[in-house]
């Protein structure tokens, strides 16, 4: 699974919209639309950190390196 798919799935589980996450992290809302259309593993590390912090999980979880969102948090 691509990193973007993991992020979008986690957002859906937590009922967080792309608009809300974008507004509160400063990440472009268009980035989330782009991920829906074309999932990618190319996500800037700074964005991964912002998203992990916002979703209250680890970067390793978003990268698919663990199934436990709490590992290496």
PDB file of N, CA and C in Angstrom:
ATOM      1  N   UNK A   1       0.843  -1.176   0.000  1.00  0.00           N
ATOM      2  CA  UNK A   1       0.000   0.000   0.000  1.00  0.00           C
ATOM      3  C   UNK A   1       0.895   1.248   0.000  1.00  0.00           C
ATOM      4  N   UNK A   2       0.543   2.206  -0.820  1.00  0.00           N
ATOM      5  CA  UNK A   2       1.303   3.456  -0.900  1.00  0.00           C
ATOM      6  C   UNK A   2       1.085   4.284   0.368  1.00  0.00           C
ATOM      7  N   UNK A   3       2.070   5.132   0.690  1.00  0.00           N
ATOM      8  CA  UNK A   3       1.979   5.978   1.882  1.00  0.00           C
ATOM      9  C   UNK A   3       0.714   6.828   1.862  1.00  0.00           C
ATOM     10  N   UNK A   4       0.413   7.386   0.709  1.00  0.00           N
ATOM     11  CA  UNK A   4      -0.768   8.249   0.605  1.00  0.00           C
ATOM     12  C   UNK A   4      -2.049   7.470   0.900  1.00  0.00           C
ATOM     13  N   UNK A   5      -2.118   6.207   0.496  1.00  0.00           N
ATOM     14  CA  UNK A   5      -3.298   5.393   0.767  1.00  0.00           C
ATOM     15  C   UNK A   5      -3.438   5.134   2.270  1.00  0.00           C
ATOM     16  N   UNK A   6      -2.331   4.931   2.950  1.00  0.00           N
ATOM     17  CA  UNK A   6      -2.364   4.719   4.399  1.00  0.00           C
ATOM     18  C   UNK A   6      -2.878   5.981   5.085  1.00  0.00           C
ATOM     19  N   UNK A   7      -2.389   7.124   4.650  1.00  0.00           N
ATOM     20  CA  UNK A   7      -2.816   8.402   5.233  1.00  0.00           C
ATOM     21  C   UNK A   7      -4.306   8.608   5.008  1.00  0.00           C
ATOM     22  N   UNK A   8      -4.763   8.429   3.788  1.00  0.00           N
ATOM     23  CA  UNK A   8      -6.178   8.629   3.477  1.00  0.00           C
ATOM     24  C   UNK A   8      -7.056   7.649   4.248  1.00  0.00           C
ATOM     25  N   UNK A   9      -6.602   6.417   4.396  1.00  0.00           N
ATOM     26  CA  UNK A   9      -7.344   5.418   5.157  1.00  0.00           C
ATOM     27  C   UNK A   9      -7.438   5.812   6.629  1.00  0.00           C
ATOM     28  N   UNK A  10      -6.343   6.276   7.189  1.00  0.00           N
ATOM     29  CA  UNK A  10      -6.328   6.698   8.592  1.00  0.00           C
ATOM     30  C   UNK A  10      -7.236   7.912   8.795  1.00  0.00           C
ATOM     31  N   UNK A  11      -7.235   8.823   7.844  1.00  0.00           N
ATOM     32  CA  UNK A  11      -8.121   9.986   7.925  1.00  0.00           C
ATOM     33  C   UNK A  11      -9.578   9.537   7.923  1.00  0.00           C
ATOM     34  N   UNK A  12      -9.896   8.587   7.076  1.00  0.00           N
ATOM     35  CA  UNK A  12     -11.265   8.088   6.982  1.00  0.00           C
ATOM     36  C   UNK A  12     -11.672   7.410   8.291  1.00  0.00           C
ATOM     37  N   UNK A  13     -10.793   6.594   8.862  1.00  0.00           N
ATOM     38  CA  UNK A  13     -11.077   5.921  10.137  1.00  0.00           C
ATOM     39  C   UNK A  13     -11.389   6.930  11.234  1.00  0.00           C
ATOM     40  N   UNK A  14     -10.667   8.050  11.215  1.00  0.00           N
ATOM     41  CA  UNK A  14     -10.814   9.064  12.259  1.00  0.00           C
ATOM     42  C   UNK A  14     -11.799  10.166  11.874  1.00  0.00           C
ATOM     43  N   UNK A  15     -12.453   9.978  10.713  1.00  0.00           N
ATOM     44  CA  UNK A  15     -13.454  10.929  10.232  1.00  0.00           C
ATOM     45  C   UNK A  15     -12.890  12.351  10.125  1.00  0.00           C
ATOM     46  N   UNK A  16     -11.708  12.447   9.522  1.00  0.00           N
ATOM     47  CA  UNK A  16     -11.038  13.739   9.318  1.00  0.00           C
ATOM     48  C   UNK A  16     -11.049  14.045   7.824  1.00  0.00           C
ATOM     49  N   UNK A  17     -11.535  15.215   7.477  1.00  0.00           N
ATOM     50  CA  UNK A  17     -11.575  15.603   6.073  1.00  0.00           C
ATOM     51  C   UNK A  17     -10.212  16.146   5.636  1.00  0.00           C
ATOM     52  N   UNK A  18      -9.999  16.094   4.336  1.00  0.00           N
ATOM     53  CA  UNK A  18      -8.765  16.654   3.778  1.00  0.00           C
ATOM     54  C   UNK A  18      -8.695  18.144   4.062  1.00  0.00           C
ATOM     55  N   UNK A  19      -9.841  18.815   3.965  1.00  0.00           N
ATOM     56  CA  UNK A  19      -9.879  20.250   4.220  1.00  0.00           C
ATOM     57  C   UNK A  19      -9.435  20.567   5.652  1.00  0.00           C
ATOM     58  N   UNK A  20      -9.969  19.821   6.606  1.00  0.00           N
ATOM     59  CA  UNK A  20      -9.630  20.070   8.006  1.00  0.00           C
ATOM     60  C   UNK A  20      -8.149  19.820   8.264  1.00  0.00           C
ATOM     61  N   UNK A  21      -7.634  18.683   7.782  1.00  0.00           N
ATOM     62  CA  UNK A  21      -6.227  18.373   7.990  1.00  0.00           C
ATOM     63  C   UNK A  21      -5.346  19.411   7.311  1.00  0.00           C
ATOM     64  N   UNK A  22      -5.698  19.793   6.107  1.00  0.00           N
ATOM     65  CA  UNK A  22      -4.912  20.794   5.364  1.00  0.00           C
ATOM     66  C   UNK A  22      -4.914  22.124   6.106  1.00  0.00           C
ATOM     67  N   UNK A  23      -6.077  22.538   6.551  1.00  0.00           N
ATOM     68  CA  UNK A  23      -6.201  23.820   7.243  1.00  0.00           C
ATOM     69  C   UNK A  23      -5.374  23.850   8.527  1.00  0.00           C
ATOM     70  N   UNK A  24      -5.370  22.743   9.251  1.00  0.00           N
ATOM     71  CA  UNK A  24      -4.710  22.712  10.550  1.00  0.00           C
ATOM     72  C   UNK A  24      -3.215  22.385  10.474  1.00  0.00           C
ATOM     73  N   UNK A  25      -2.759  21.891   9.328  1.00  0.00           N
ATOM     74  CA  UNK A  25      -1.333  21.572   9.189  1.00  0.00           C
ATOM     75  C   UNK A  25      -0.602  22.486   8.213  1.00  0.00           C
ATOM     76  N   UNK A  26      -1.363  23.182   7.360  1.00  0.00           N
ATOM     77  CA  UNK A  26      -0.743  24.032   6.355  1.00  0.00           C
ATOM     78  C   UNK A  26      -0.382  23.295   5.079  1.00  0.00           C
ATOM     79  N   UNK A  27      -0.754  22.033   4.983  1.00  0.00           N
ATOM     80  CA  UNK A  27      -0.514  21.244   3.772  1.00  0.00           C
ATOM     81  C   UNK A  27      -1.628  21.559   2.776  1.00  0.00           C
ATOM     82  N   UNK A  28      -1.298  21.654   1.516  1.00  0.00           N
ATOM     83  CA  UNK A  28      -2.264  21.991   0.479  1.00  0.00           C
ATOM     84  C   UNK A  28      -3.369  20.939   0.385  1.00  0.00           C
ATOM     85  N   UNK A  29      -4.622  21.387   0.367  1.00  0.00           N
ATOM     86  CA  UNK A  29      -5.754  20.475   0.228  1.00  0.00           C
ATOM     87  C   UNK A  29      -5.720  19.769  -1.126  1.00  0.00           C
ATOM     88  N   UNK A  30      -5.143  20.417  -2.133  1.00  0.00           N
ATOM     89  CA  UNK A  30      -5.058  19.795  -3.458  1.00  0.00           C
ATOM     90  C   UNK A  30      -4.159  18.561  -3.452  1.00  0.00           C
ATOM     91  N   UNK A  31      -3.234  18.513  -2.507  1.00  0.00           N
ATOM     92  CA  UNK A  31      -2.359  17.341  -2.385  1.00  0.00           C
ATOM     93  C   UNK A  31      -3.173  16.084  -2.079  1.00  0.00           C
ATOM     94  N   UNK A  32      -4.183  16.223  -1.232  1.00  0.00           N
ATOM     95  CA  UNK A  32      -5.015  15.076  -0.869  1.00  0.00           C
ATOM     96  C   UNK A  32      -5.854  14.612  -2.064  1.00  0.00           C
ATOM     97  N   UNK A  33      -6.349  15.554  -2.835  1.00  0.00           N
ATOM     98  CA  UNK A  33      -7.097  15.205  -4.049  1.00  0.00           C
ATOM     99  C   UNK A  33      -6.186  14.464  -5.025  1.00  0.00           C
ATOM    100  N   UNK A  34      -4.959  14.931  -5.130  1.00  0.00           N
ATOM    101  CA  UNK A  34      -3.974  14.302  -6.009  1.00  0.00           C
ATOM    102  C   UNK A  34      -3.718  12.860  -5.560  1.00  0.00           C
ATOM    103  N   UNK A  35      -3.600  12.651  -4.256  1.00  0.00           N
ATOM    104  CA  UNK A  35      -3.351  11.301  -3.733  1.00  0.00           C
ATOM    105  C   UNK A  35      -4.517  10.368  -4.024  1.00  0.00           C
ATOM    106  N   UNK A  36      -5.734  10.884  -3.951  1.00  0.00           N
ATOM    107  CA  UNK A  36      -6.903  10.040  -4.238  1.00  0.00           C
ATOM    108  C   UNK A  36      -6.882   9.573  -5.692  1.00  0.00           C
ATOM    109  N   UNK A  37      -6.500  10.468  -6.579  1.00  0.00           N
ATOM    110  CA  UNK A  37      -6.475  10.144  -8.008  1.00  0.00           C
ATOM    111  C   UNK A  37      -5.284   9.285  -8.383  1.00  0.00           C
ATOM    112  N   UNK A  38      -4.134   9.538  -7.747  1.00  0.00           N
ATOM    113  CA  UNK A  38      -2.899   8.851  -8.099  1.00  0.00           C
ATOM    114  C   UNK A  38      -2.064   8.609  -6.839  1.00  0.00           C
ATOM    115  N   UNK A  39      -2.336   7.500  -6.123  1.00  0.00           N
ATOM    116  CA  UNK A  39      -1.576   7.213  -4.903  1.00  0.00           C
ATOM    117  C   UNK A  39      -0.073   7.188  -5.185  1.00  0.00           C
ATOM    118  N   UNK A  40       0.672   7.713  -4.226  1.00  0.00           N
ATOM    119  CA  UNK A  40       2.120   7.809  -4.412  1.00  0.00           C
ATOM    120  C   UNK A  40       2.864   7.598  -3.103  1.00  0.00           C
ATOM    121  N   UNK A  41       4.097   7.169  -3.215  1.00  0.00           N
ATOM    122  CA  UNK A  41       4.978   7.058  -2.060  1.00  0.00           C
ATOM    123  C   UNK A  41       5.848   8.297  -1.924  1.00  0.00           C
ATOM    124  N   UNK A  42       5.756   9.184  -2.892  1.00  0.00           N
ATOM    125  CA  UNK A  42       6.579  10.386  -2.877  1.00  0.00           C
ATOM    126  C   UNK A  42       5.890  11.490  -2.086  1.00  0.00           C
ATOM    127  N   UNK A  43       6.147  11.477  -0.790  1.00  0.00           N
ATOM    128  CA  UNK A  43       5.593  12.481   0.107  1.00  0.00           C
ATOM    129  C   UNK A  43       6.761  13.084   0.874  1.00  0.00           C
ATOM    130  N   UNK A  44       6.815  14.391   0.889  1.00  0.00           N
ATOM    131  CA  UNK A  44       7.912  15.078   1.580  1.00  0.00           C
ATOM    132  C   UNK A  44       7.941  14.666   3.054  1.00  0.00           C
ATOM    133  N   UNK A  45       9.129  14.457   3.570  1.00  0.00           N
ATOM    134  CA  UNK A  45       9.275  14.014   4.954  1.00  0.00           C
ATOM    135  C   UNK A  45       8.661  15.010   5.931  1.00  0.00           C
ATOM    136  N   UNK A  46       8.776  16.297   5.634  1.00  0.00           N
ATOM    137  CA  UNK A  46       8.178  17.308   6.514  1.00  0.00           C
ATOM    138  C   UNK A  46       6.655  17.133   6.570  1.00  0.00           C
ATOM    139  N   UNK A  47       6.040  16.813   5.432  1.00  0.00           N
ATOM    140  CA  UNK A  47       4.596  16.577   5.407  1.00  0.00           C
ATOM    141  C   UNK A  47       4.231  15.316   6.175  1.00  0.00           C
ATOM    142  N   UNK A  48       5.046  14.279   6.050  1.00  0.00           N
ATOM    143  CA  UNK A  48       4.790  13.045   6.801  1.00  0.00           C
ATOM    144  C   UNK A  48       4.795  13.307   8.300  1.00  0.00           C
ATOM    145  N   UNK A  49       5.742  14.105   8.756  1.00  0.00           N
ATOM    146  CA  UNK A  49       5.832  14.421  10.183  1.00  0.00           C
ATOM    147  C   UNK A  49       4.605  15.208  10.622  1.00  0.00           C
ATOM    148  N   UNK A  50       4.206  16.219   9.846  1.00  0.00           N
ATOM    149  CA  UNK A  50       3.018  17.009  10.181  1.00  0.00           C
ATOM    150  C   UNK A  50       1.763  16.133  10.248  1.00  0.00           C
ATOM    151  N   UNK A  51       1.614  15.261   9.266  1.00  0.00           N
ATOM    152  CA  UNK A  51       0.438  14.397   9.212  1.00  0.00           C
ATOM    153  C   UNK A  51       0.450  13.386  10.355  1.00  0.00           C
ATOM    154  N   UNK A  52       1.590  12.785  10.630  1.00  0.00           N
ATOM    155  CA  UNK A  52       1.696  11.826  11.737  1.00  0.00           C
ATOM    156  C   UNK A  52       1.349  12.498  13.061  1.00  0.00           C
ATOM    157  N   UNK A  53       1.860  13.683  13.277  1.00  0.00           N
ATOM    158  CA  UNK A  53       1.542  14.415  14.506  1.00  0.00           C
ATOM    159  C   UNK A  53       0.040  14.702  14.587  1.00  0.00           C
ATOM    160  N   UNK A  54      -0.537  15.138  13.491  1.00  0.00           N
ATOM    161  CA  UNK A  54      -1.959  15.473  13.483  1.00  0.00           C
ATOM    162  C   UNK A  54      -2.827  14.229  13.707  1.00  0.00           C
ATOM    163  N   UNK A  55      -2.451  13.116  13.080  1.00  0.00           N
ATOM    164  CA  UNK A  55      -3.223  11.879  13.211  1.00  0.00           C
ATOM    165  C   UNK A  55      -2.868  11.098  14.472  1.00  0.00           C
ATOM    166  N   UNK A  56      -1.911  11.620  15.227  1.00  0.00           N
ATOM    167  CA  UNK A  56      -1.473  10.986  16.472  1.00  0.00           C
ATOM    168  C   UNK A  56      -0.982   9.551  16.235  1.00  0.00           C
ATOM    169  N   UNK A  57      -0.098   9.420  15.254  1.00  0.00           N
ATOM    170  CA  UNK A  57       0.509   8.121  14.967  1.00  0.00           C
ATOM    171  C   UNK A  57       1.966   8.357  14.588  1.00  0.00           C
ATOM    172  N   UNK A  58       2.689   7.285  14.372  1.00  0.00           N
ATOM    173  CA  UNK A  58       4.101   7.417  14.029  1.00  0.00           C
ATOM    174  C   UNK A  58       4.305   7.534  12.523  1.00  0.00           C
ATOM    175  N   UNK A  59       5.413   8.113  12.150  1.00  0.00           N
ATOM    176  CA  UNK A  59       5.789   8.184  10.733  1.00  0.00           C
ATOM    177  C   UNK A  59       5.999   6.766  10.205  1.00  0.00           C
ATOM    178  N   UNK A  60       6.570   5.889  11.017  1.00  0.00           N
ATOM    179  CA  UNK A  60       6.767   4.496  10.591  1.00  0.00           C
ATOM    180  C   UNK A  60       5.442   3.834  10.207  1.00  0.00           C
ATOM    181  N   UNK A  61       4.391   4.144  10.937  1.00  0.00           N
ATOM    182  CA  UNK A  61       3.071   3.597  10.619  1.00  0.00           C
ATOM    183  C   UNK A  61       2.598   4.122   9.254  1.00  0.00           C
ATOM    184  N   UNK A  62       2.759   5.412   9.024  1.00  0.00           N
ATOM    185  CA  UNK A  62       2.350   5.989   7.742  1.00  0.00           C
ATOM    186  C   UNK A  62       3.186   5.460   6.582  1.00  0.00           C
ATOM    187  N   UNK A  63       4.417   5.090   6.865  1.00  0.00           N
ATOM    188  CA  UNK A  63       5.290   4.534   5.831  1.00  0.00           C
ATOM    189  C   UNK A  63       5.022   3.056   5.578  1.00  0.00           C
ATOM    190  N   UNK A  64       4.183   2.445   6.417  1.00  0.00           N
ATOM    191  CA  UNK A  64       3.874   1.026   6.261  1.00  0.00           C
ATOM    192  C   UNK A  64       4.924   0.111   6.851  1.00  0.00           C
ATOM    193  N   UNK A  65       5.796   0.666   7.690  1.00  0.00           N
ATOM    194  CA  UNK A  65       6.864  -0.132   8.297  1.00  0.00           C
ATOM    195  C   UNK A  65       6.391  -0.902   9.512  1.00  0.00           C
ATOM    196  N   UNK A  66       5.212  -0.549  10.023  1.00  0.00           N
ATOM    197  CA  UNK A  66       4.612  -1.253  11.158  1.00  0.00           C
ATOM    198  C   UNK A  66       3.099  -1.151  11.050  1.00  0.00           C
ATOM    199  N   UNK A  67       2.415  -2.113  11.646  1.00  0.00           N
ATOM    200  CA  UNK A  67       0.957  -2.076  11.694  1.00  0.00           C
ATOM    201  C   UNK A  67       0.451  -1.399  12.957  1.00  0.00           C
ATOM    202  N   UNK A  68       1.371  -1.061  13.851  1.00  0.00           N
ATOM    203  CA  UNK A  68       1.030  -0.431  15.118  1.00  0.00           C
ATOM    204  C   UNK A  68       1.283   1.067  15.030  1.00  0.00           C
ATOM    205  N   UNK A  69       0.233   1.889  15.086  1.00  0.00           N
ATOM    206  CA  UNK A  69       0.415   3.333  14.954  1.00  0.00           C
ATOM    207  C   UNK A  69       1.242   3.952  16.070  1.00  0.00           C
ATOM    208  N   UNK A  70       1.394   3.243  17.182  1.00  0.00           N
ATOM    209  CA  UNK A  70       2.118   3.778  18.341  1.00  0.00           C
ATOM    210  C   UNK A  70       3.622   3.501  18.295  1.00  0.00           C
ATOM    211  N   UNK A  71       4.063   2.572  17.465  1.00  0.00           N
ATOM    212  CA  UNK A  71       5.479   2.190  17.413  1.00  0.00           C
ATOM    213  C   UNK A  71       6.329   3.358  16.947  1.00  0.00           C
ATOM    214  N   UNK A  72       7.402   3.634  17.659  1.00  0.00           N
ATOM    215  CA  UNK A  72       8.371   4.700  17.342  1.00  0.00           C
ATOM    216  C   UNK A  72       7.736   6.072  17.277  1.00  0.00           C
ATOM    217  N   UNK A  73       6.735   6.284  18.070  1.00  0.00           N
ATOM    218  CA  UNK A  73       6.030   7.568  18.088  1.00  0.00           C
ATOM    219  C   UNK A  73       6.856   8.609  18.788  1.00  0.00           C
TER     220      UNK A  73
END
